[in-house]
C-alpha cells in the first residue's frame, strides 16, 4: 500500500523502517508517473498540466517541501 512520511515540525526527525521480510523494495510514485506516457496518465487521473511538468524521472528518496 502506498504511503509517505511528511515532516511538519522544526526539530530533526529520525525515521526507522522495519519489515518482516528478507526483501525490500522502494517505489517512487512521482518517478512512476513521470515515466508513464502523459496521455495515459491524463486518461486516468485529472492532473493539471503544471503537475505533469513537475514530475521527476529520477527518484528522490527525500524531497523538501
N, C-alpha and C. Protein backbone atom coordinates (compact mmCIF):
# COMPACT_ATOMS: atom_id res chain seq x y z
N UNK A 1 0.84 -1.17 0.00
CA UNK A 1 0.00 0.00 0.00
C UNK A 1 0.89 1.24 0.00
N UNK A 2 0.55 2.20 -0.82
CA UNK A 2 1.33 3.42 -0.89
C UNK A 2 1.21 4.26 0.37
N UNK A 3 2.28 4.92 0.73
CA UNK A 3 2.28 5.80 1.90
C UNK A 3 3.46 6.76 1.78
N UNK A 4 3.46 7.76 2.63
CA UNK A 4 4.59 8.68 2.66
C UNK A 4 4.71 9.26 4.06
N UNK A 5 5.85 9.84 4.35
CA UNK A 5 6.11 10.46 5.64
C UNK A 5 6.35 11.93 5.37
N UNK A 6 5.71 12.80 6.16
CA UNK A 6 5.87 14.24 5.99
C UNK A 6 6.31 14.85 7.31
N UNK A 7 7.42 15.54 7.28
CA UNK A 7 7.91 16.25 8.47
C UNK A 7 7.17 17.58 8.56
N UNK A 8 6.49 17.82 9.67
CA UNK A 8 5.70 19.04 9.81
C UNK A 8 6.22 19.98 10.89
N UNK A 9 7.29 19.58 11.58
CA UNK A 9 7.84 20.43 12.64
C UNK A 9 9.20 20.98 12.27
N UNK A 10 9.84 21.62 13.25
CA UNK A 10 11.16 22.23 13.02
C UNK A 10 12.30 21.44 13.63
N UNK A 11 12.00 20.37 14.35
CA UNK A 11 13.04 19.59 15.00
C UNK A 11 13.52 18.47 14.09
N UNK A 12 14.74 17.96 14.32
CA UNK A 12 15.24 16.85 13.50
C UNK A 12 14.34 15.62 13.60
N UNK A 13 14.31 14.83 12.54
CA UNK A 13 13.48 13.62 12.51
C UNK A 13 14.37 12.41 12.31
N UNK A 14 14.11 11.38 13.08
CA UNK A 14 14.76 10.09 12.89
C UNK A 14 13.64 9.11 12.55
N UNK A 15 13.79 8.44 11.43
CA UNK A 15 12.73 7.57 10.95
C UNK A 15 13.30 6.17 10.77
N UNK A 16 12.76 5.20 11.47
CA UNK A 16 13.22 3.82 11.43
C UNK A 16 12.14 2.98 10.74
N UNK A 17 12.56 2.27 9.71
CA UNK A 17 11.64 1.42 8.96
C UNK A 17 12.04 -0.03 9.17
N UNK A 18 11.08 -0.86 9.54
CA UNK A 18 11.36 -2.28 9.72
C UNK A 18 10.29 -3.09 8.99
N UNK A 19 10.75 -4.10 8.29
CA UNK A 19 9.85 -5.01 7.59
C UNK A 19 10.20 -6.44 7.99
N UNK A 20 9.20 -7.26 8.09
CA UNK A 20 9.43 -8.66 8.42
C UNK A 20 9.56 -9.46 7.12
N UNK A 21 10.63 -9.21 6.42
CA UNK A 21 10.90 -9.89 5.16
C UNK A 21 12.38 -9.75 4.84
N UNK A 22 12.86 -10.61 4.00
CA UNK A 22 14.26 -10.52 3.59
C UNK A 22 14.40 -9.66 2.33
N UNK A 23 13.28 -9.20 1.80
CA UNK A 23 13.30 -8.42 0.56
C UNK A 23 12.71 -7.04 0.80
N UNK A 24 13.40 -6.00 0.35
CA UNK A 24 12.92 -4.63 0.47
C UNK A 24 12.84 -4.01 -0.91
N UNK A 25 11.75 -3.33 -1.19
CA UNK A 25 11.60 -2.65 -2.48
C UNK A 25 11.07 -1.25 -2.21
N UNK A 26 11.56 -0.31 -2.98
CA UNK A 26 11.17 1.09 -2.83
C UNK A 26 10.61 1.55 -4.17
N UNK A 27 9.42 2.13 -4.15
CA UNK A 27 8.79 2.60 -5.37
C UNK A 27 8.43 4.07 -5.22
N UNK A 28 8.88 4.89 -6.14
CA UNK A 28 8.56 6.31 -6.12
C UNK A 28 7.35 6.55 -7.02
N UNK A 29 6.24 6.99 -6.45
CA UNK A 29 5.05 7.29 -7.24
C UNK A 29 5.34 8.42 -8.22
N UNK A 30 6.09 9.42 -7.78
CA UNK A 30 6.46 10.54 -8.64
C UNK A 30 7.23 10.04 -9.87
N UNK A 31 8.22 9.18 -9.65
CA UNK A 31 9.02 8.65 -10.74
C UNK A 31 8.17 7.76 -11.65
N UNK A 32 7.35 6.93 -11.07
CA UNK A 32 6.50 6.04 -11.86
C UNK A 32 5.59 6.86 -12.78
N UNK A 33 5.00 7.92 -12.23
CA UNK A 33 4.12 8.76 -13.04
C UNK A 33 4.90 9.51 -14.13
N UNK A 34 6.12 9.96 -13.81
CA UNK A 34 6.94 10.68 -14.78
C UNK A 34 7.34 9.79 -15.94
N UNK A 35 7.51 8.51 -15.70
CA UNK A 35 7.94 7.58 -16.74
C UNK A 35 6.77 6.95 -17.51
N UNK A 36 5.56 7.24 -17.08
CA UNK A 36 4.36 6.76 -17.76
C UNK A 36 3.98 7.76 -18.85
N UNK A 37 3.57 7.30 -20.03
CA UNK A 37 3.19 8.24 -21.08
C UNK A 37 2.13 9.24 -20.59
N UNK A 38 2.34 10.53 -20.82
CA UNK A 38 1.44 11.57 -20.31
C UNK A 38 -0.03 11.36 -20.71
N UNK A 39 -0.27 10.92 -21.94
CA UNK A 39 -1.65 10.72 -22.38
C UNK A 39 -2.33 9.60 -21.59
N UNK A 40 -1.56 8.61 -21.15
CA UNK A 40 -2.12 7.53 -20.33
C UNK A 40 -2.48 8.05 -18.94
N UNK A 41 -1.59 8.84 -18.35
CA UNK A 41 -1.89 9.43 -17.03
C UNK A 41 -3.12 10.31 -17.10
N UNK A 42 -3.18 11.18 -18.10
CA UNK A 42 -4.30 12.12 -18.22
C UNK A 42 -5.62 11.41 -18.51
N UNK A 43 -5.56 10.23 -19.09
CA UNK A 43 -6.77 9.45 -19.35
C UNK A 43 -7.36 8.87 -18.07
N UNK A 44 -6.51 8.72 -17.04
CA UNK A 44 -6.96 8.07 -15.80
C UNK A 44 -6.96 8.98 -14.57
N UNK A 45 -6.21 10.07 -14.62
CA UNK A 45 -6.11 10.97 -13.48
C UNK A 45 -6.40 12.41 -13.93
N UNK A 46 -7.18 13.16 -13.16
CA UNK A 46 -7.44 14.57 -13.52
C UNK A 46 -6.26 15.45 -13.09
N UNK A 47 -5.15 15.38 -13.81
CA UNK A 47 -3.95 16.11 -13.43
C UNK A 47 -3.81 17.41 -14.22
N UNK A 48 -3.49 18.46 -13.50
CA UNK A 48 -3.22 19.75 -14.11
C UNK A 48 -1.89 19.66 -14.88
N UNK A 49 -1.75 20.44 -15.94
CA UNK A 49 -0.52 20.43 -16.74
C UNK A 49 0.71 20.79 -15.90
N UNK A 50 0.54 21.67 -14.91
CA UNK A 50 1.65 22.05 -14.02
C UNK A 50 2.15 20.84 -13.25
N UNK A 51 1.24 20.00 -12.79
CA UNK A 51 1.62 18.78 -12.07
C UNK A 51 2.42 17.88 -13.01
N UNK A 52 1.92 17.70 -14.21
CA UNK A 52 2.60 16.84 -15.18
C UNK A 52 4.02 17.32 -15.47
N UNK A 53 4.21 18.62 -15.57
CA UNK A 53 5.52 19.19 -15.88
C UNK A 53 6.51 19.08 -14.73
N UNK A 54 6.01 18.91 -13.51
CA UNK A 54 6.89 18.87 -12.34
C UNK A 54 7.17 17.46 -11.82
N UNK A 55 6.78 16.45 -12.56
CA UNK A 55 7.12 15.09 -12.17
C UNK A 55 8.60 14.84 -12.47
N UNK A 56 9.24 14.02 -11.63
CA UNK A 56 10.68 13.76 -11.75
C UNK A 56 10.93 12.33 -12.24
N UNK A 57 11.70 12.20 -13.32
CA UNK A 57 12.05 10.87 -13.83
C UNK A 57 13.11 10.20 -12.98
N UNK A 58 13.84 10.98 -12.20
CA UNK A 58 14.84 10.44 -11.28
C UNK A 58 14.19 10.33 -9.90
N UNK A 59 14.50 9.26 -9.18
CA UNK A 59 13.91 9.07 -7.86
C UNK A 59 14.67 9.88 -6.81
N UNK A 60 13.93 10.63 -6.03
CA UNK A 60 14.48 11.40 -4.93
C UNK A 60 13.89 10.83 -3.63
N UNK A 61 14.67 10.05 -2.86
CA UNK A 61 14.12 9.45 -1.65
C UNK A 61 13.61 10.46 -0.63
N UNK A 62 14.28 11.61 -0.54
CA UNK A 62 13.85 12.65 0.39
C UNK A 62 13.63 13.92 -0.42
N UNK A 63 12.42 14.45 -0.33
CA UNK A 63 12.06 15.64 -1.10
C UNK A 63 11.64 16.74 -0.15
N UNK A 64 12.25 17.92 -0.28
CA UNK A 64 11.86 19.04 0.58
C UNK A 64 10.54 19.63 0.09
N UNK A 65 9.81 20.23 1.00
CA UNK A 65 8.51 20.81 0.69
C UNK A 65 8.64 22.08 -0.12
